[in-house]
N, C-alpha and C. Protein backbone atom coordinates (compact mmCIF):
# COMPACT_ATOMS: atom_id res chain seq x y z
N MET A 1 -21.56 -0.03 -22.74
CA MET A 1 -20.34 0.10 -23.25
C MET A 1 -19.48 -1.34 -23.34
N LYS A 2 -18.99 -1.65 -24.86
CA LYS A 2 -18.32 -2.90 -25.05
C LYS A 2 -16.88 -2.40 -25.40
N VAL A 3 -15.98 -3.43 -24.85
CA VAL A 3 -14.56 -3.15 -25.35
C VAL A 3 -13.98 -4.18 -25.81
N LYS A 4 -13.04 -4.45 -26.74
CA LYS A 4 -12.27 -5.50 -27.27
C LYS A 4 -10.74 -5.19 -27.54
N VAL A 5 -9.96 -5.77 -27.57
CA VAL A 5 -8.48 -5.79 -27.91
C VAL A 5 -8.25 -6.64 -29.44
N ASN A 6 -7.94 -5.54 -30.42
CA ASN A 6 -7.32 -6.15 -31.27
C ASN A 6 -6.03 -6.95 -31.45
N GLN A 7 -5.87 -8.20 -31.45
CA GLN A 7 -4.79 -8.75 -30.99
C GLN A 7 -3.64 -8.47 -32.14
N ASP A 8 -3.94 -8.12 -33.48
CA ASP A 8 -3.29 -7.57 -34.34
C ASP A 8 -2.54 -6.59 -34.43
N ALA A 9 -2.98 -5.54 -33.65
CA ALA A 9 -2.36 -4.19 -33.45
C ALA A 9 -1.66 -4.29 -32.03
N CYS A 10 -2.03 -5.18 -30.76
CA CYS A 10 -1.65 -4.93 -29.63
C CYS A 10 -0.07 -5.15 -29.99
N ILE A 11 0.66 -4.51 -28.84
CA ILE A 11 2.00 -4.98 -28.68
C ILE A 11 2.50 -5.22 -27.34
N GLY A 12 1.40 -5.51 -26.56
CA GLY A 12 1.72 -5.93 -25.01
C GLY A 12 2.36 -5.00 -24.25
N CYS A 13 2.33 -3.47 -24.49
CA CYS A 13 2.96 -2.68 -23.81
C CYS A 13 2.50 -2.63 -22.05
N GLY A 14 1.26 -3.17 -21.94
CA GLY A 14 1.03 -3.21 -20.51
C GLY A 14 0.25 -1.98 -20.02
N ALA A 15 0.33 -1.07 -20.76
CA ALA A 15 -0.55 0.23 -20.21
C ALA A 15 -1.75 -0.03 -19.81
N CYS A 16 -2.56 -0.54 -20.77
CA CYS A 16 -4.01 -0.84 -20.39
C CYS A 16 -4.51 -1.41 -19.07
N ALA A 17 -3.59 -2.69 -18.80
CA ALA A 17 -3.62 -3.31 -17.68
C ALA A 17 -3.29 -2.55 -16.27
N ALA A 18 -2.25 -1.85 -16.66
CA ALA A 18 -1.93 -0.81 -15.46
C ALA A 18 -2.86 0.20 -14.88
N ILE A 19 -3.38 1.01 -16.16
CA ILE A 19 -4.77 1.91 -15.86
C ILE A 19 -6.09 1.07 -15.40
N CYS A 20 -6.40 -0.30 -15.89
CA CYS A 20 -7.74 -0.55 -15.68
C CYS A 20 -7.46 -2.14 -15.59
N ASP A 21 -7.09 -2.82 -14.35
CA ASP A 21 -6.58 -4.05 -14.24
C ASP A 21 -7.96 -5.00 -14.09
N ALA A 22 -8.87 -4.42 -13.65
CA ALA A 22 -10.35 -5.04 -13.73
C ALA A 22 -10.79 -5.34 -15.14
N ILE A 23 -10.61 -4.63 -16.18
CA ILE A 23 -10.82 -5.30 -17.50
C ILE A 23 -9.84 -5.78 -18.30
N PHE A 24 -8.26 -5.28 -18.25
CA PHE A 24 -7.28 -5.85 -19.16
C PHE A 24 -6.22 -6.58 -18.28
N GLN A 25 -5.90 -7.50 -18.95
CA GLN A 25 -4.60 -8.20 -18.47
C GLN A 25 -3.94 -9.03 -19.72
N ILE A 26 -2.41 -9.02 -19.49
CA ILE A 26 -1.70 -9.46 -20.56
C ILE A 26 -1.70 -10.97 -20.31
N ASN A 27 -1.94 -11.57 -21.53
CA ASN A 27 -2.10 -12.97 -21.75
C ASN A 27 -0.77 -13.65 -21.80
N ASP A 28 -0.71 -15.07 -21.96
CA ASP A 28 0.82 -15.98 -21.78
C ASP A 28 1.14 -15.53 -23.28
N GLU A 29 0.95 -14.95 -24.16
CA GLU A 29 1.43 -14.77 -25.71
C GLU A 29 2.19 -12.99 -25.45
N GLY A 30 1.91 -12.55 -24.14
CA GLY A 30 2.41 -11.05 -23.76
C GLY A 30 1.59 -9.90 -24.83
N LEU A 31 0.19 -10.38 -25.00
CA LEU A 31 -0.56 -9.51 -25.50
C LEU A 31 -1.95 -9.31 -24.42
N SER A 32 -2.39 -8.06 -24.52
CA SER A 32 -3.53 -7.53 -24.07
C SER A 32 -5.01 -8.33 -24.17
N VAL A 33 -5.75 -8.63 -23.45
CA VAL A 33 -6.95 -9.08 -23.72
C VAL A 33 -7.91 -8.35 -22.49
N ALA A 34 -9.35 -8.31 -22.86
CA ALA A 34 -10.14 -7.91 -22.25
C ALA A 34 -10.96 -8.93 -21.68
N LEU A 35 -10.99 -8.85 -20.12
CA LEU A 35 -11.57 -9.69 -19.36
C LEU A 35 -12.91 -10.16 -19.54
N LYS A 36 -13.43 -9.06 -20.02
CA LYS A 36 -15.29 -9.19 -20.30
C LYS A 36 -15.34 -8.15 -21.36
N GLU A 37 -16.47 -8.34 -22.21
CA GLU A 37 -16.70 -7.45 -23.34
C GLU A 37 -17.55 -6.41 -22.81
N GLU A 38 -18.60 -6.65 -21.83
CA GLU A 38 -19.31 -5.82 -21.29
C GLU A 38 -18.92 -5.11 -20.24
N VAL A 39 -18.75 -3.44 -20.28
CA VAL A 39 -17.69 -3.03 -19.13
C VAL A 39 -19.01 -2.11 -18.10
N GLU A 40 -18.75 -2.69 -17.02
CA GLU A 40 -19.63 -1.79 -16.13
C GLU A 40 -19.50 -0.25 -15.83
N LYS A 41 -20.65 0.31 -15.49
CA LYS A 41 -20.71 1.74 -15.61
C LYS A 41 -19.56 2.43 -14.82
N ASP A 42 -19.35 1.69 -13.67
CA ASP A 42 -18.13 2.52 -12.84
C ASP A 42 -16.56 2.45 -13.44
N LEU A 43 -16.49 1.52 -14.35
CA LEU A 43 -15.44 1.15 -14.93
C LEU A 43 -15.04 1.85 -16.42
N GLU A 44 -16.24 2.54 -16.92
CA GLU A 44 -16.16 3.05 -18.30
C GLU A 44 -15.26 4.37 -18.70
N GLN A 45 -14.84 5.24 -17.46
CA GLN A 45 -13.95 6.18 -17.59
C GLN A 45 -12.64 5.31 -17.75
N SER A 46 -12.26 4.45 -16.73
CA SER A 46 -11.09 3.65 -16.65
C SER A 46 -10.49 2.95 -18.12
N VAL A 47 -11.50 2.28 -18.55
CA VAL A 47 -11.52 1.90 -19.82
C VAL A 47 -11.12 2.95 -21.12
N LYS A 48 -11.79 4.05 -20.99
CA LYS A 48 -11.58 4.99 -21.94
C LYS A 48 -10.45 5.54 -21.71
N ASP A 49 -9.77 5.73 -20.80
CA ASP A 49 -8.49 6.23 -20.58
C ASP A 49 -7.23 5.15 -20.68
N ALA A 50 -7.71 4.12 -20.62
CA ALA A 50 -6.85 2.77 -21.28
C ALA A 50 -6.86 2.76 -22.55
N ALA A 51 -7.93 3.07 -23.32
CA ALA A 51 -7.80 2.98 -24.77
C ALA A 51 -6.99 4.26 -25.29
N ASP A 52 -7.21 5.60 -24.60
CA ASP A 52 -6.50 6.44 -25.01
C ASP A 52 -5.06 6.52 -24.73
N SER A 53 -4.70 5.56 -24.05
CA SER A 53 -3.24 5.40 -23.75
C SER A 53 -2.45 4.34 -24.38
N CYS A 54 -3.14 3.90 -25.30
CA CYS A 54 -2.80 2.35 -26.11
C CYS A 54 -1.80 3.28 -27.30
N PRO A 55 -0.66 2.79 -27.29
CA PRO A 55 0.20 3.64 -28.27
C PRO A 55 -0.22 3.08 -29.80
N THR A 56 -0.91 1.86 -29.97
CA THR A 56 -1.03 1.41 -31.07
C THR A 56 -2.83 1.53 -31.44
N GLY A 57 -3.24 1.96 -30.83
CA GLY A 57 -4.84 2.08 -30.86
C GLY A 57 -5.31 0.71 -31.02
N ALA A 58 -4.82 0.06 -30.48
CA ALA A 58 -5.46 -1.74 -30.24
C ALA A 58 -6.98 -1.90 -29.55
N ILE A 59 -7.32 -0.95 -28.64
CA ILE A 59 -8.46 -1.14 -27.78
C ILE A 59 -9.76 -0.58 -28.69
N GLU A 60 -10.50 -1.38 -28.83
CA GLU A 60 -11.76 -0.91 -29.59
C GLU A 60 -12.88 -0.95 -28.37
N VAL A 61 -13.41 0.49 -28.39
CA VAL A 61 -14.44 0.62 -27.24
C VAL A 61 -15.92 1.15 -28.14
N SER A 62 -17.10 0.42 -27.78
CA SER A 62 -17.94 1.05 -28.75
C SER A 62 -19.24 1.29 -27.34
N GLU A 63 -20.04 2.18 -27.78
CA GLU A 63 -21.31 2.31 -26.80
C GLU A 63 -22.57 1.26 -27.01
């Protein structure tokens, strides 16, 4: 599974980092970034939960 954050859509609410800090982090501009594009199997559900919680739909997940 792959993940990325659309910086144009992100508002930096931090929900994703709170749910899955192994993948998401808030950068110096106050926006979320994915620390890695490839998601390990054991983190896939947390990444999906983070994407579902994003109020702007900025997290893009692909299989």
